[in-house]
Amino acid sequence: MSMGSPGDHPLTDLFHWGRRGFPDDIADMLLLLHELDPKVCDKFALEAWDWSNGRQLEAGRATLRAELQQQRSRMASLAERIDRFFGATAAQPAQSTSDWRFWRR
């Protein structure tokens, strides 16, 4: 989604200009989805007009919840693949580089 001027599109207003033209729960879900994958919100470009004008809100909430669930499943799958790749060390916290023992290796 290109970065336009304030008022050009409700998603641009939210993501780039910080204007919340949606109900808070919808804005929060959109911001979370945008943080996970900025491109995923492009598929809501048309519906965003309705949501910002108070129309189709329940359908919008259901759509966004379903997308969040998909993203959660995708992230869980990626985490499992990373754990398999690195083994048990991926689940352990990284050692601090300020610890002198780190530098003695």
N, C-alpha and C. Protein backbone atom coordinates (compact mmCIF):
# COMPACT_ATOMS: atom_id res chain seq x y z
N MET A 1 0.85 -1.16 0.00
CA MET A 1 0.00 0.00 0.00
C MET A 1 0.90 1.23 0.00
N SER A 2 0.66 2.14 -0.90
CA SER A 2 1.50 3.32 -0.98
C SER A 2 1.15 4.30 0.14
N MET A 3 2.12 5.14 0.47
CA MET A 3 1.91 6.10 1.54
C MET A 3 1.36 7.38 0.95
N GLY A 4 0.08 7.62 1.16
CA GLY A 4 -0.56 8.81 0.64
C GLY A 4 -0.61 9.90 1.70
N SER A 5 -1.50 10.82 1.49
CA SER A 5 -1.71 11.91 2.43
C SER A 5 -2.78 11.52 3.44
N PRO A 6 -2.79 12.18 4.59
CA PRO A 6 -3.86 11.90 5.55
C PRO A 6 -5.23 12.09 4.90
N GLY A 7 -6.09 11.11 5.12
CA GLY A 7 -7.44 11.17 4.55
C GLY A 7 -7.59 10.44 3.24
N ASP A 8 -6.48 9.98 2.63
CA ASP A 8 -6.56 9.27 1.35
C ASP A 8 -7.19 7.89 1.49
N HIS A 9 -6.81 7.16 2.54
CA HIS A 9 -7.33 5.81 2.74
C HIS A 9 -7.28 5.51 4.23
N PRO A 10 -8.30 4.83 4.76
CA PRO A 10 -8.32 4.58 6.21
C PRO A 10 -7.14 3.72 6.71
N LEU A 11 -6.65 2.79 5.90
CA LEU A 11 -5.51 1.98 6.34
C LEU A 11 -4.23 2.81 6.36
N THR A 12 -4.03 3.65 5.36
CA THR A 12 -2.87 4.54 5.35
C THR A 12 -2.93 5.49 6.53
N ASP A 13 -4.14 5.98 6.80
CA ASP A 13 -4.31 6.88 7.94
C ASP A 13 -3.88 6.19 9.24
N LEU A 14 -4.24 4.94 9.39
CA LEU A 14 -3.92 4.19 10.61
C LEU A 14 -2.43 3.86 10.69
N PHE A 15 -1.89 3.27 9.63
CA PHE A 15 -0.52 2.76 9.67
C PHE A 15 0.54 3.84 9.58
N HIS A 16 0.30 4.84 8.77
CA HIS A 16 1.35 5.84 8.51
C HIS A 16 1.14 7.16 9.25
N TRP A 17 -0.11 7.49 9.53
CA TRP A 17 -0.39 8.78 10.14
C TRP A 17 -0.92 8.66 11.56
N GLY A 18 -1.15 7.42 12.03
CA GLY A 18 -1.60 7.22 13.40
C GLY A 18 -3.02 7.64 13.68
N ARG A 19 -3.81 7.82 12.65
CA ARG A 19 -5.21 8.21 12.82
C ARG A 19 -6.06 6.96 12.96
N ARG A 20 -6.81 6.89 14.03
CA ARG A 20 -7.64 5.71 14.30
C ARG A 20 -9.07 6.01 13.86
N GLY A 21 -9.38 5.70 12.63
CA GLY A 21 -10.72 5.92 12.09
C GLY A 21 -11.61 4.69 12.21
N PHE A 22 -11.18 3.72 12.98
CA PHE A 22 -11.91 2.46 13.18
C PHE A 22 -12.27 2.34 14.65
N PRO A 23 -13.23 1.45 14.96
CA PRO A 23 -13.42 1.11 16.37
C PRO A 23 -12.11 0.56 16.93
N ASP A 24 -11.88 0.77 18.22
CA ASP A 24 -10.59 0.41 18.82
C ASP A 24 -10.19 -1.05 18.60
N ASP A 25 -11.14 -1.98 18.73
CA ASP A 25 -10.77 -3.39 18.58
C ASP A 25 -10.35 -3.71 17.15
N ILE A 26 -11.01 -3.11 16.18
CA ILE A 26 -10.63 -3.33 14.78
C ILE A 26 -9.28 -2.68 14.49
N ALA A 27 -9.07 -1.47 14.99
CA ALA A 27 -7.78 -0.80 14.79
C ALA A 27 -6.65 -1.62 15.42
N ASP A 28 -6.88 -2.15 16.62
CA ASP A 28 -5.85 -2.96 17.28
C ASP A 28 -5.53 -4.22 16.49
N MET A 29 -6.56 -4.89 15.95
CA MET A 29 -6.30 -6.09 15.15
C MET A 29 -5.55 -5.74 13.87
N LEU A 30 -5.94 -4.65 13.22
CA LEU A 30 -5.24 -4.23 12.00
C LEU A 30 -3.78 -3.88 12.29
N LEU A 31 -3.53 -3.18 13.39
CA LEU A 31 -2.16 -2.83 13.74
C LEU A 31 -1.32 -4.07 14.04
N LEU A 32 -1.91 -5.03 14.72
CA LEU A 32 -1.19 -6.27 15.01
C LEU A 32 -0.88 -7.03 13.73
N LEU A 33 -1.86 -7.14 12.85
CA LEU A 33 -1.63 -7.82 11.57
C LEU A 33 -0.57 -7.10 10.76
N HIS A 34 -0.62 -5.79 10.76
CA HIS A 34 0.37 -5.00 10.02
C HIS A 34 1.77 -5.20 10.58
N GLU A 35 1.86 -5.33 11.90
CA GLU A 35 3.16 -5.58 12.52
C GLU A 35 3.69 -6.96 12.14
N LEU A 36 2.81 -7.95 12.07
CA LEU A 36 3.22 -9.31 11.71
C LEU A 36 3.62 -9.41 10.25
N ASP A 37 2.83 -8.77 9.38
CA ASP A 37 3.09 -8.83 7.94
C ASP A 37 2.39 -7.65 7.28
N PRO A 38 3.11 -6.58 6.96
CA PRO A 38 2.49 -5.38 6.40
C PRO A 38 1.67 -5.63 5.13
N LYS A 39 2.06 -6.60 4.34
CA LYS A 39 1.34 -6.86 3.09
C LYS A 39 -0.03 -7.52 3.31
N VAL A 40 -0.21 -8.19 4.44
CA VAL A 40 -1.45 -8.93 4.66
C VAL A 40 -2.66 -7.97 4.72
N CYS A 41 -2.44 -6.76 5.14
CA CYS A 41 -3.56 -5.82 5.25
C CYS A 41 -4.04 -5.28 3.91
N ASP A 42 -3.25 -5.47 2.87
CA ASP A 42 -3.68 -5.03 1.54
C ASP A 42 -4.98 -5.70 1.11
N LYS A 43 -5.19 -6.93 1.57
CA LYS A 43 -6.40 -7.64 1.17
C LYS A 43 -7.66 -7.07 1.83
N PHE A 44 -7.49 -6.17 2.81
CA PHE A 44 -8.63 -5.55 3.47
C PHE A 44 -8.86 -4.11 3.00
N ALA A 45 -8.20 -3.72 1.93
CA ALA A 45 -8.26 -2.33 1.48
C ALA A 45 -9.69 -1.87 1.17
N LEU A 46 -10.48 -2.71 0.54
CA LEU A 46 -11.85 -2.30 0.22
C LEU A 46 -12.76 -2.32 1.44
N GLU A 47 -12.65 -3.38 2.25
CA GLU A 47 -13.48 -3.49 3.44
C GLU A 47 -13.18 -2.38 4.44
N ALA A 48 -11.96 -1.89 4.45
CA ALA A 48 -11.56 -0.86 5.40
C ALA A 48 -12.43 0.39 5.28
N TRP A 49 -12.86 0.69 4.07
CA TRP A 49 -13.75 1.84 3.89
C TRP A 49 -15.05 1.64 4.66
N ASP A 50 -15.63 0.45 4.54
CA ASP A 50 -16.86 0.16 5.29
C ASP A 50 -16.62 0.24 6.79
N TRP A 51 -15.57 -0.41 7.26
CA TRP A 51 -15.29 -0.44 8.70
C TRP A 51 -15.07 0.95 9.26
N SER A 52 -14.38 1.79 8.50
CA SER A 52 -14.10 3.15 8.99
C SER A 52 -15.36 4.01 9.01
N ASN A 53 -16.37 3.59 8.27
CA ASN A 53 -17.65 4.31 8.26
C ASN A 53 -18.72 3.61 9.10
N GLY A 54 -18.30 2.64 9.92
CA GLY A 54 -19.22 1.98 10.83
C GLY A 54 -20.10 0.92 10.20
N ARG A 55 -19.75 0.46 9.01
CA ARG A 55 -20.54 -0.57 8.32
C ARG A 55 -19.81 -1.91 8.35
N GLN A 56 -20.57 -2.98 8.37
CA GLN A 56 -20.04 -4.35 8.31
C GLN A 56 -19.03 -4.63 9.41
N LEU A 57 -19.24 -4.05 10.59
CA LEU A 57 -18.26 -4.18 11.67
C LEU A 57 -18.15 -5.61 12.21
N GLU A 58 -19.27 -6.28 12.40
CA GLU A 58 -19.20 -7.65 12.92
C GLU A 58 -18.54 -8.59 11.92
N ALA A 59 -18.85 -8.41 10.64
CA ALA A 59 -18.20 -9.22 9.60
C ALA A 59 -16.70 -8.90 9.57
N GLY A 60 -16.36 -7.64 9.74
CA GLY A 60 -14.96 -7.23 9.76
C GLY A 60 -14.21 -7.83 10.94
N ARG A 61 -14.84 -7.83 12.09
CA ARG A 61 -14.22 -8.44 13.27
C ARG A 61 -13.96 -9.92 13.05
N ALA A 62 -14.95 -10.60 12.47
CA ALA A 62 -14.80 -12.04 12.20
C ALA A 62 -13.67 -12.28 11.20
N THR A 63 -13.61 -11.45 10.16
CA THR A 63 -12.56 -11.58 9.14
C THR A 63 -11.19 -11.37 9.75
N LEU A 64 -11.05 -10.34 10.57
CA LEU A 64 -9.75 -10.04 11.18
C LEU A 64 -9.34 -11.10 12.20
N ARG A 65 -10.30 -11.60 12.96
CA ARG A 65 -9.99 -12.68 13.91
C ARG A 65 -9.51 -13.92 13.16
N ALA A 66 -10.17 -14.24 12.06
CA ALA A 66 -9.76 -15.40 11.26
C ALA A 66 -8.36 -15.20 10.71
N GLU A 67 -8.06 -14.00 10.26
CA GLU A 67 -6.71 -13.72 9.73
C GLU A 67 -5.67 -13.79 10.83
N LEU A 68 -6.00 -13.29 12.02
CA LEU A 68 -5.07 -13.40 13.14
C LEU A 68 -4.81 -14.86 13.50
N GLN A 69 -5.86 -15.68 13.45
CA GLN A 69 -5.69 -17.10 13.73
C GLN A 69 -4.78 -17.75 12.69
N GLN A 70 -4.96 -17.37 11.42
CA GLN A 70 -4.08 -17.89 10.37
C GLN A 70 -2.63 -17.48 10.62
N GLN A 71 -2.43 -16.23 10.99
CA GLN A 71 -1.08 -15.75 11.25
C GLN A 71 -0.47 -16.47 12.46
N ARG A 72 -1.30 -16.71 13.48
CA ARG A 72 -0.82 -17.44 14.66
C ARG A 72 -0.37 -18.85 14.27
N SER A 73 -1.18 -19.52 13.46
CA SER A 73 -0.82 -20.87 13.01
C SER A 73 0.45 -20.84 12.18
N ARG A 74 0.56 -19.86 11.33
CA ARG A 74 1.76 -19.71 10.49
C ARG A 74 2.99 -19.49 11.35
N MET A 75 2.88 -18.62 12.34
CA MET A 75 4.01 -18.34 13.23
C MET A 75 4.38 -19.57 14.05
N ALA A 76 3.39 -20.31 14.52
CA ALA A 76 3.67 -21.53 15.30
C ALA A 76 4.40 -22.55 14.44
N SER A 77 3.97 -22.67 13.19
CA SER A 77 4.62 -23.59 12.27
C SER A 77 6.07 -23.17 12.02
N LEU A 78 6.28 -21.88 11.83
CA LEU A 78 7.64 -21.38 11.63
C LEU A 78 8.50 -21.61 12.86
N ALA A 79 7.94 -21.39 14.05
CA ALA A 79 8.69 -21.60 15.28
C ALA A 79 9.10 -23.07 15.42
N GLU A 80 8.20 -23.98 15.07
CA GLU A 80 8.53 -25.40 15.13
C GLU A 80 9.66 -25.74 14.17
N ARG A 81 9.59 -25.17 12.97
CA ARG A 81 10.64 -25.44 11.98
C ARG A 81 11.99 -24.88 12.46
N ILE A 82 11.97 -23.71 13.08
CA ILE A 82 13.21 -23.13 13.60
C ILE A 82 13.76 -23.99 14.72
N ASP A 83 12.88 -24.43 15.62
CA ASP A 83 13.32 -25.31 16.72
C ASP A 83 13.95 -26.58 16.18
N ARG A 84 13.35 -27.17 15.15
CA ARG A 84 13.93 -28.39 14.56
C ARG A 84 15.28 -28.10 13.94
N PHE A 85 15.39 -26.95 13.31
CA PHE A 85 16.64 -26.58 12.65
C PHE A 85 17.76 -26.40 13.66
N PHE A 86 17.50 -25.68 14.73
CA PHE A 86 18.52 -25.40 15.72
C PHE A 86 18.57 -26.40 16.86
N GLY A 87 17.58 -27.24 16.95
CA GLY A 87 17.53 -28.18 18.06
C GLY A 87 17.07 -27.50 19.32
N ALA A 88 17.45 -28.03 20.42
CA ALA A 88 17.00 -27.52 21.71
C ALA A 88 17.56 -26.13 22.02
N THR A 89 18.64 -25.73 21.37
CA THR A 89 19.25 -24.43 21.69
C THR A 89 18.36 -23.27 21.30
N ALA A 90 17.44 -23.45 20.36
CA ALA A 90 16.56 -22.36 19.95
C ALA A 90 15.62 -21.96 21.08
N ALA A 91 15.28 -22.87 21.95
CA ALA A 91 14.37 -22.57 23.05
C ALA A 91 15.09 -21.95 24.24
N GLN A 92 16.43 -22.00 24.25
CA GLN A 92 17.18 -21.45 25.37
C GLN A 92 17.51 -19.99 25.09
N PRO A 93 17.53 -19.15 26.12
CA PRO A 93 17.87 -17.75 25.90
C PRO A 93 19.33 -17.60 25.49
N ALA A 94 19.59 -16.62 24.69
CA ALA A 94 20.97 -16.35 24.25
C ALA A 94 21.78 -15.84 25.43
N GLN A 95 23.06 -16.18 25.45
CA GLN A 95 23.93 -15.72 26.52
C GLN A 95 24.29 -14.27 26.27
N SER A 96 24.33 -13.51 27.32
CA SER A 96 24.66 -12.10 27.23
C SER A 96 26.11 -11.93 26.79
N THR A 97 26.35 -10.99 25.87
CA THR A 97 27.72 -10.71 25.43
C THR A 97 28.48 -9.90 26.46
N SER A 98 27.79 -9.40 27.49
CA SER A 98 28.49 -8.66 28.54
C SER A 98 29.11 -9.61 29.57
N ASP A 99 28.75 -10.87 29.50
CA ASP A 99 29.32 -11.87 30.42
C ASP A 99 30.74 -12.18 29.95
N TRP A 100 31.72 -12.03 30.85
CA TRP A 100 33.12 -12.22 30.46
C TRP A 100 33.40 -13.62 29.94
N ARG A 101 32.61 -14.63 30.41
CA ARG A 101 32.84 -16.00 29.96
C ARG A 101 32.50 -16.17 28.47
N PHE A 102 31.62 -15.31 27.97
CA PHE A 102 31.26 -15.35 26.56
C PHE A 102 32.50 -15.08 25.69
N TRP A 103 33.32 -14.15 26.11
CA TRP A 103 34.47 -13.74 25.31
C TRP A 103 35.67 -14.65 25.44
N ARG A 104 35.68 -15.56 26.42
CA ARG A 104 36.81 -16.47 26.61
C ARG A 104 36.73 -17.68 25.72
N ARG A 105 35.70 -17.83 24.96
CA ARG A 105 35.54 -19.04 24.12
C ARG A 105 36.56 -19.08 23.03
